[in-house]
N, C-alpha and C. Protein backbone atom coordinates (compact mmCIF):
# COMPACT_ATOMS: atom_id res chain seq x y z
N MET A 1 148.32 138.89 111.46
CA MET A 1 149.08 137.79 110.74
C MET A 1 149.79 137.99 109.43
N ASN A 2 150.90 137.41 109.04
CA ASN A 2 151.68 137.93 107.97
C ASN A 2 150.85 137.20 106.83
N PRO A 3 151.37 137.68 105.50
CA PRO A 3 150.57 136.93 104.29
C PRO A 3 150.96 135.35 104.17
N ARG A 4 152.17 135.04 104.58
CA ARG A 4 152.83 134.01 104.54
C ARG A 4 151.76 132.60 105.60
N ARG A 5 151.92 133.23 107.16
CA ARG A 5 150.79 132.35 107.69
C ARG A 5 149.67 132.19 107.06
N GLN A 6 148.83 133.17 106.27
CA GLN A 6 147.50 132.84 105.97
C GLN A 6 147.83 132.02 104.90
N ARG A 7 148.49 132.04 103.90
CA ARG A 7 148.21 131.16 102.97
C ARG A 7 148.43 129.75 103.56
N ARG A 8 149.34 129.29 104.46
CA ARG A 8 149.64 128.06 105.29
C ARG A 8 148.40 127.58 105.80
N LEU A 9 147.82 128.48 106.51
CA LEU A 9 146.68 128.07 107.04
C LEU A 9 145.58 128.11 106.26
N ALA A 10 145.39 128.36 105.01
CA ALA A 10 144.40 128.31 103.84
C ALA A 10 144.37 126.66 103.45
N ALA A 11 146.20 126.75 103.28
CA ALA A 11 146.54 125.44 102.25
C ALA A 11 145.89 124.22 103.29
N VAL A 12 146.13 124.30 104.63
CA VAL A 12 146.04 123.38 105.79
C VAL A 12 144.29 122.92 106.08
N GLY A 13 143.72 124.31 106.07
CA GLY A 13 142.39 124.28 106.08
C GLY A 13 141.66 123.45 104.78
N GLY A 14 142.00 124.02 103.71
CA GLY A 14 141.61 122.96 102.49
C GLY A 14 142.08 121.51 102.57
N ALA A 15 143.23 121.47 102.75
CA ALA A 15 143.61 119.85 102.79
C ALA A 15 142.32 119.20 103.62
N GLY A 16 142.50 119.75 104.84
CA GLY A 16 141.37 119.13 105.82
C GLY A 16 140.27 118.87 105.53
N LEU A 17 139.44 119.84 104.69
CA LEU A 17 138.13 119.72 104.35
C LEU A 17 138.03 118.80 102.77
N LEU A 18 139.16 118.74 102.31
CA LEU A 18 139.26 117.45 101.23
C LEU A 18 139.32 116.14 101.92
N ILE A 19 140.24 115.93 102.75
CA ILE A 19 140.40 114.86 103.53
C ILE A 19 139.11 114.33 104.41
N VAL A 20 138.24 115.15 104.95
CA VAL A 20 136.73 115.02 105.37
C VAL A 20 135.77 114.65 104.31
N GLY A 21 135.72 115.52 103.45
CA GLY A 21 134.98 115.48 102.32
C GLY A 21 135.12 113.70 101.79
N ALA A 22 136.61 113.25 101.13
CA ALA A 22 137.02 112.09 101.01
C ALA A 22 136.59 111.21 101.76
N VAL A 23 136.62 110.90 103.26
CA VAL A 23 135.87 110.26 104.26
C VAL A 23 134.49 109.91 104.06
N ALA A 24 133.74 111.17 103.93
CA ALA A 24 132.45 110.96 103.98
C ALA A 24 131.90 110.74 102.77
N LEU A 25 132.55 110.76 101.67
CA LEU A 25 132.21 109.85 100.32
C LEU A 25 132.56 108.31 100.30
N MET A 26 133.10 108.18 101.20
CA MET A 26 133.67 106.69 101.52
C MET A 26 132.59 106.02 101.95
N LEU A 27 132.24 106.56 103.30
CA LEU A 27 131.40 106.18 104.30
C LEU A 27 129.82 106.04 103.30
N PHE A 28 129.23 107.27 102.43
CA PHE A 28 128.36 107.22 102.09
C PHE A 28 128.21 105.99 101.39
N ALA A 29 128.93 105.76 100.39
CA ALA A 29 129.30 104.84 99.39
C ALA A 29 129.05 102.91 99.87
N LEU A 30 129.91 103.41 101.21
CA LEU A 30 129.92 101.88 101.51
C LEU A 30 128.49 101.80 102.59
N THR A 31 127.60 102.46 102.83
CA THR A 31 126.48 102.05 103.20
C THR A 31 125.40 101.01 102.77
N ASP A 32 125.94 100.98 101.55
CA ASP A 32 125.06 99.97 100.58
C ASP A 32 125.47 98.67 100.63
N ASN A 33 126.64 98.45 101.04
CA ASN A 33 127.50 97.35 101.31
C ASN A 33 127.69 96.94 102.46
N ILE A 34 126.78 97.26 103.65
CA ILE A 34 127.21 96.92 104.78
C ILE A 34 125.78 95.95 104.94
N ASP A 35 126.33 94.84 105.71
CA ASP A 35 125.41 93.76 106.06
C ASP A 35 125.29 93.96 107.79
N LEU A 36 124.61 94.27 108.60
CA LEU A 36 124.21 93.67 110.02
C LEU A 36 123.81 92.48 110.27
N PHE A 37 124.55 92.06 111.37
CA PHE A 37 124.17 90.52 111.66
C PHE A 37 123.21 90.36 112.93
N TYR A 38 121.93 89.75 112.71
CA TYR A 38 121.08 89.55 113.60
C TYR A 38 120.59 88.18 113.75
N THR A 39 119.80 87.80 115.19
CA THR A 39 119.75 86.72 115.08
C THR A 39 118.39 86.74 115.06
N PRO A 40 117.51 85.62 114.99
CA PRO A 40 116.08 85.37 114.42
C PRO A 40 115.27 86.13 115.94
N SER A 41 115.43 86.39 117.32
CA SER A 41 115.01 86.79 118.46
C SER A 41 115.28 88.47 117.62
N GLU A 42 116.32 88.80 117.40
CA GLU A 42 116.53 90.58 117.34
C GLU A 42 116.13 90.78 116.26
N ILE A 43 115.53 90.05 115.06
CA ILE A 43 114.85 90.28 114.04
C ILE A 43 113.39 90.60 114.54
N VAL A 44 112.35 89.58 115.39
CA VAL A 44 111.51 89.93 115.73
C VAL A 44 111.10 91.22 116.99
N GLU A 45 112.06 91.05 118.00
CA GLU A 45 112.21 91.91 118.91
C GLU A 45 112.61 93.43 118.92
N GLY A 46 113.90 93.36 117.97
CA GLY A 46 114.75 94.39 117.54
C GLY A 46 115.98 94.41 118.36
N LYS A 47 117.08 95.03 117.97
CA LYS A 47 118.69 94.78 118.73
C LYS A 47 118.97 96.29 118.97
N ASP A 48 118.97 96.17 120.24
CA ASP A 48 119.30 97.65 120.74
C ASP A 48 118.12 98.49 120.94
N GLY A 49 116.97 98.03 120.98
CA GLY A 49 115.57 98.96 120.70
C GLY A 49 115.45 99.24 119.51
N VAL A 50 116.29 98.86 118.45
CA VAL A 50 115.75 99.06 116.94
C VAL A 50 115.57 97.80 116.16
N LYS A 51 114.59 97.61 115.66
CA LYS A 51 113.87 96.65 114.80
C LYS A 51 114.64 96.90 113.04
N PRO A 52 114.81 95.83 112.25
CA PRO A 52 115.34 95.96 111.38
C PRO A 52 114.31 96.56 110.12
N THR A 53 114.35 97.24 109.34
CA THR A 53 113.11 97.78 108.52
C THR A 53 113.32 97.25 107.14
N VAL A 54 111.95 96.89 106.38
CA VAL A 54 111.59 96.04 105.53
C VAL A 54 112.52 96.70 104.51
N GLY A 55 113.07 95.52 103.47
CA GLY A 55 114.05 96.16 102.35
C GLY A 55 115.74 96.37 103.12
N GLN A 56 115.65 96.49 104.28
CA GLN A 56 117.55 96.29 104.88
C GLN A 56 118.07 95.16 104.65
N ARG A 57 119.35 95.51 103.94
CA ARG A 57 120.24 94.27 103.81
C ARG A 57 120.56 93.50 105.18
N LEU A 58 120.67 92.30 105.51
CA LEU A 58 121.45 92.03 106.70
C LEU A 58 121.80 90.61 106.48
N ARG A 59 122.61 90.15 107.92
CA ARG A 59 123.06 88.56 107.69
C ARG A 59 122.36 88.25 109.00
N ILE A 60 121.86 86.87 108.78
CA ILE A 60 121.01 86.44 109.94
C ILE A 60 121.68 85.26 110.11
N GLY A 61 121.81 84.64 111.34
CA GLY A 61 122.33 83.13 111.58
C GLY A 61 121.48 82.70 112.99
N GLY A 62 121.37 81.09 112.64
CA GLY A 62 120.73 80.33 113.49
C GLY A 62 120.59 78.83 113.13
N MET A 63 119.80 78.40 113.72
CA MET A 63 119.79 76.65 113.49
C MET A 63 118.55 76.88 112.59
N VAL A 64 118.22 75.70 112.21
CA VAL A 64 117.35 75.34 110.84
C VAL A 64 116.34 74.50 111.55
N VAL A 65 115.41 74.78 111.95
CA VAL A 65 114.27 73.87 112.81
C VAL A 65 113.88 72.84 112.14
N PRO A 66 114.22 71.61 112.56
CA PRO A 66 113.55 70.48 111.96
C PRO A 66 112.33 70.54 111.91
N GLY A 67 111.92 69.55 110.47
CA GLY A 67 110.69 69.90 110.29
C GLY A 67 110.20 70.71 109.19
N SER A 68 111.14 72.01 109.34
CA SER A 68 110.58 73.31 108.65
C SER A 68 110.72 73.62 107.10
N VAL A 69 111.96 72.63 106.64
CA VAL A 69 112.15 72.58 105.31
C VAL A 69 111.24 71.99 104.43
N SER A 70 111.18 73.42 103.25
CA SER A 70 109.80 72.69 102.14
C SER A 70 110.42 73.37 100.93
N ARG A 71 110.46 72.60 100.32
CA ARG A 71 111.29 72.59 98.84
C ARG A 71 109.97 72.67 97.85
N ASP A 72 110.23 73.48 96.54
CA ASP A 72 109.32 73.73 95.74
C ASP A 72 109.59 72.61 94.42
N SER A 73 108.67 71.91 94.23
CA SER A 73 109.06 71.04 93.13
C SER A 73 108.97 71.48 91.66
N GLU A 74 108.94 72.74 91.47
CA GLU A 74 109.18 73.30 90.20
C GLU A 74 109.87 74.18 89.83
N SER A 75 110.84 74.53 91.04
CA SER A 75 111.85 75.21 91.02
C SER A 75 113.06 74.98 92.18
N LEU A 76 114.01 75.97 92.45
CA LEU A 76 115.19 75.70 93.07
C LEU A 76 114.45 76.41 94.80
N GLU A 77 113.38 76.90 94.80
CA GLU A 77 113.08 77.68 95.96
C GLU A 77 113.05 76.56 97.08
N VAL A 78 113.73 77.46 98.07
CA VAL A 78 113.29 76.54 99.54
C VAL A 78 112.93 77.35 100.60
N THR A 79 112.00 76.95 101.46
CA THR A 79 111.58 77.86 102.82
C THR A 79 111.81 76.78 103.84
N PHE A 80 112.85 77.81 104.70
CA PHE A 80 112.71 77.16 105.93
C PHE A 80 112.84 78.10 107.24
N LYS A 81 112.44 77.47 108.39
CA LYS A 81 112.76 78.37 109.54
C LYS A 81 113.87 78.51 110.57
N LEU A 82 114.15 79.33 111.02
CA LEU A 82 115.10 79.51 111.72
C LEU A 82 115.06 79.93 113.22
N ILE A 83 115.94 79.44 113.76
CA ILE A 83 115.56 79.63 115.67
C ILE A 83 117.01 79.79 116.53
N ASP A 84 116.91 80.72 117.54
CA ASP A 84 117.76 81.04 117.90
C ASP A 84 117.53 80.52 119.86
N THR A 85 117.22 81.46 120.78
CA THR A 85 116.72 81.25 121.76
C THR A 85 115.26 81.54 122.13
N GLY A 86 114.90 82.11 120.49
CA GLY A 86 113.30 82.79 121.18
C GLY A 86 112.30 82.53 119.88
N PRO A 87 111.74 83.62 119.21
CA PRO A 87 110.68 83.43 118.15
C PRO A 87 111.67 82.91 116.82
N GLN A 88 110.90 82.37 116.10
CA GLN A 88 111.57 81.76 114.59
C GLN A 88 111.24 83.04 113.70
N VAL A 89 112.09 82.79 112.63
CA VAL A 89 111.70 83.78 111.59
C VAL A 89 111.77 82.52 110.14
N THR A 90 111.36 82.99 109.27
CA THR A 90 111.19 82.23 108.06
C THR A 90 112.17 82.81 107.00
N VAL A 91 112.85 82.11 106.27
CA VAL A 91 113.75 82.24 105.17
C VAL A 91 113.41 81.50 104.14
N THR A 92 113.40 82.59 102.96
CA THR A 92 113.27 81.99 101.62
C THR A 92 114.42 82.13 100.69
N TYR A 93 114.61 80.98 100.24
CA TYR A 93 116.03 80.92 99.16
C TYR A 93 115.98 80.66 97.89
N ALA A 94 116.07 81.09 96.39
CA ALA A 94 116.06 80.30 95.33
C ALA A 94 117.38 80.06 95.11
N GLY A 95 117.74 78.87 95.22
CA GLY A 95 119.21 78.68 94.80
C GLY A 95 119.59 76.94 95.33
N ILE A 96 120.80 76.55 95.11
CA ILE A 96 121.32 75.57 95.45
C ILE A 96 121.76 75.86 96.64
N LEU A 97 121.41 75.00 97.84
CA LEU A 97 121.76 75.14 99.15
C LEU A 97 123.21 74.11 99.36
N PRO A 98 124.19 74.73 100.15
CA PRO A 98 125.03 73.95 99.97
C PRO A 98 125.14 72.64 100.96
N ASP A 99 126.29 71.81 100.49
CA ASP A 99 126.00 70.22 100.88
C ASP A 99 125.90 69.95 102.34
N LEU A 100 126.48 71.03 103.25
CA LEU A 100 126.16 70.79 104.76
C LEU A 100 125.02 70.91 105.66
N PHE A 101 124.07 72.04 104.47
CA PHE A 101 122.98 72.46 105.18
C PHE A 101 121.69 71.22 105.24
N ARG A 102 121.18 70.96 106.58
CA ARG A 102 120.35 69.94 106.68
C ARG A 102 119.66 70.65 108.01
N GLU A 103 118.17 70.27 108.44
CA GLU A 103 117.50 70.60 109.68
C GLU A 103 118.44 70.25 110.91
N GLY A 104 118.18 71.02 111.99
CA GLY A 104 119.03 70.96 112.93
C GLY A 104 120.44 71.82 113.00
N GLN A 105 120.72 72.05 111.71
CA GLN A 105 122.05 72.83 111.38
C GLN A 105 122.03 74.50 111.55
N GLY A 106 123.13 74.48 111.88
CA GLY A 106 123.45 76.30 112.04
C GLY A 106 124.12 76.63 110.74
N ILE A 107 123.35 77.80 110.52
CA ILE A 107 123.48 78.56 109.14
C ILE A 107 123.67 79.77 109.15
N VAL A 108 124.32 80.40 108.33
CA VAL A 108 124.15 81.93 108.43
C VAL A 108 123.87 82.17 106.84
N ALA A 109 122.62 83.32 106.75
CA ALA A 109 121.99 83.81 105.67
C ALA A 109 122.11 85.36 104.97
N THR A 110 122.34 85.76 104.22
CA THR A 110 122.80 87.05 103.61
C THR A 110 121.48 87.23 102.95
N GLY A 111 120.75 88.46 103.07
CA GLY A 111 119.67 88.68 102.25
C GLY A 111 118.90 89.91 102.88
N VAL A 112 117.72 90.30 102.35
CA VAL A 112 116.88 91.13 102.54
C VAL A 112 115.81 91.11 103.33
N LEU A 113 115.14 91.74 104.06
CA LEU A 113 114.13 91.62 105.23
C LEU A 113 112.99 91.88 104.12
N ALA A 114 112.29 90.84 103.77
CA ALA A 114 111.15 90.97 102.85
C ALA A 114 109.84 91.54 103.62
N GLU A 115 109.54 90.97 104.69
CA GLU A 115 108.52 91.46 105.58
C GLU A 115 108.87 90.93 106.98
N ALA A 116 108.01 91.52 107.99
CA ALA A 116 108.31 91.39 109.19
C ALA A 116 108.48 89.72 109.38
N GLY A 117 109.62 89.62 110.04
CA GLY A 117 109.92 87.78 110.20
C GLY A 117 110.16 87.12 109.08
N VAL A 118 110.36 87.70 107.77
CA VAL A 118 110.63 86.90 106.59
C VAL A 118 111.85 87.44 106.10
N ILE A 119 112.75 86.79 105.67
CA ILE A 119 114.04 87.16 105.03
C ILE A 119 114.27 86.51 103.57
N GLN A 120 114.48 86.92 102.39
CA GLN A 120 114.61 86.67 101.54
C GLN A 120 116.27 86.42 101.02
N ALA A 121 116.73 85.36 101.38
CA ALA A 121 117.97 85.03 101.40
C ALA A 121 118.62 85.23 99.83
N GLU A 122 119.60 85.69 99.96
CA GLU A 122 120.48 85.94 98.53
C GLU A 122 121.72 84.36 98.64
N GLU A 123 122.17 84.39 100.02
CA GLU A 123 123.18 83.39 99.93
C GLU A 123 123.17 82.82 101.41
N VAL A 124 123.42 81.41 101.09
CA VAL A 124 123.39 80.75 102.70
C VAL A 124 124.64 80.13 102.93
N LEU A 125 125.28 80.03 104.11
CA LEU A 125 126.28 79.37 104.47
C LEU A 125 125.84 78.17 105.68
N ALA A 126 126.39 77.24 105.67
CA ALA A 126 126.31 76.04 106.49
C ALA A 126 127.51 75.88 107.27
N LYS A 127 127.37 75.85 108.54
CA LYS A 127 128.94 75.80 109.27
C LYS A 127 129.63 74.22 108.94
N HIS A 128 130.84 74.27 109.04
CA HIS A 128 131.54 73.00 108.52
C HIS A 128 131.74 72.07 109.77
N ASP A 129 131.61 72.08 110.56
CA ASP A 129 131.57 71.10 111.75
C ASP A 129 130.76 71.55 113.22
N GLU A 130 130.62 71.06 113.89
CA GLU A 130 129.72 71.26 115.23
C GLU A 130 130.32 72.01 116.44
N GLU A 131 131.37 72.41 116.34
CA GLU A 131 132.32 73.10 116.95
C GLU A 131 132.27 74.60 116.79
N TYR A 132 132.42 74.85 115.31
CA TYR A 132 132.39 76.47 115.12
C TYR A 132 131.10 77.21 115.17
N MET A 133 131.06 78.14 114.96
CA MET A 133 129.70 79.31 115.06
C MET A 133 130.56 80.70 115.31
N PRO A 134 129.76 81.48 114.50
CA PRO A 134 130.28 82.81 114.42
C PRO A 134 130.10 83.45 115.75
N PRO A 135 130.83 84.43 116.20
CA PRO A 135 131.08 84.65 117.75
C PRO A 135 129.44 85.29 117.86
N GLU A 136 129.25 86.15 117.13
CA GLU A 136 127.79 86.78 117.37
C GLU A 136 126.62 85.92 117.85
N LEU A 137 126.33 84.84 117.17
CA LEU A 137 125.41 83.87 117.34
C LEU A 137 125.72 82.83 118.40
N ALA A 138 127.16 82.81 118.59
CA ALA A 138 127.70 81.61 120.22
C ALA A 138 127.03 82.47 121.27
N GLU A 139 127.36 83.71 121.53
CA GLU A 139 126.95 84.85 122.45
C GLU A 139 125.08 84.46 122.73
N GLN A 140 124.49 84.71 121.51
CA GLN A 140 123.31 84.59 121.68
C GLN A 140 122.41 83.35 122.35
N MET A 141 123.74 82.03 121.57
CA MET A 141 122.99 80.67 121.76
C MET A 141 123.36 80.04 123.05
N LYS A 142 124.15 80.97 124.24
CA LYS A 142 124.40 80.07 125.17
C LYS A 142 123.56 79.60 125.90
N GLY A 143 123.73 78.33 126.35
CA GLY A 143 122.92 77.45 127.09
C GLY A 143 121.63 76.56 126.53
N ILE A 144 121.93 76.74 124.47
CA ILE A 144 121.22 75.92 123.87
C ILE A 144 121.62 74.70 123.51
N LYS A 145 121.34 73.63 123.51
CA LYS A 145 121.86 72.64 122.81
C LYS A 145 121.78 72.39 121.59
N HIS A 146 122.81 71.86 121.09
CA HIS A 146 122.84 71.89 119.36
C HIS A 146 122.25 70.22 119.11
N VAL A 147 121.48 70.04 118.23
CA VAL A 147 120.30 68.67 117.97
C VAL A 147 121.25 68.25 116.63
N LYS A 148 121.70 67.17 116.89
CA LYS A 148 122.34 66.54 115.23
C LYS A 148 120.86 66.14 114.94
N PRO A 149 120.87 66.09 113.37
CA PRO A 149 119.52 65.99 112.42
C PRO A 149 119.13 64.12 113.28
N SER A 150 119.69 63.43 113.64
CA SER A 150 119.02 62.11 113.82
C SER A 150 118.34 62.23 115.31
N GLU A 151 118.60 63.23 115.84
CA GLU A 151 118.00 63.18 117.37
C GLU A 151 116.74 63.49 116.94
N GLY A 152 116.21 65.01 116.42
CA GLY A 152 115.12 65.14 115.91
C GLY A 152 114.45 66.46 116.60
N SER A 153 114.99 66.48 117.82
CA SER A 153 114.26 67.87 118.53
C SER A 153 115.00 68.34 120.01
N TYR A 154 114.69 69.38 120.02
CA TYR A 154 115.57 70.36 121.19
C TYR A 154 115.09 69.85 122.41
N GLU A 155 116.26 69.89 123.10
CA GLU A 155 116.03 69.63 124.93
C GLU A 155 115.97 70.72 125.36
């Protein structure tokens, strides 16, 4: 191989290594900001055979169980239960809830798994109408009837 080809090969190889290194650094930096979506059943039973670990950031979506909302009279802390098609999980949130938040309503919360079945939420979002639902949650909730707060229980 002549020296000119060797220099070209070294330059292309070096550029390739720089690109691979840059992509690896970006992916490593993004791992702290990735929130995986779970339903209450997936938190308790696992998603594809893998349960979330304590301290893991995640998003959870489900329906607020009627009668489960508990507010602390001394602070803004609220505790409520979420359900989809199976087990319930408890969500704690310290802050002002959205105006559309109520029992029997679908919500999505972002936070950290504090312990098995308990999520410490940093953000709570309520859906705007009864037709919208995140696609991941809609897939999990097929066959479950939405209950309006005035109706009081699931059928």
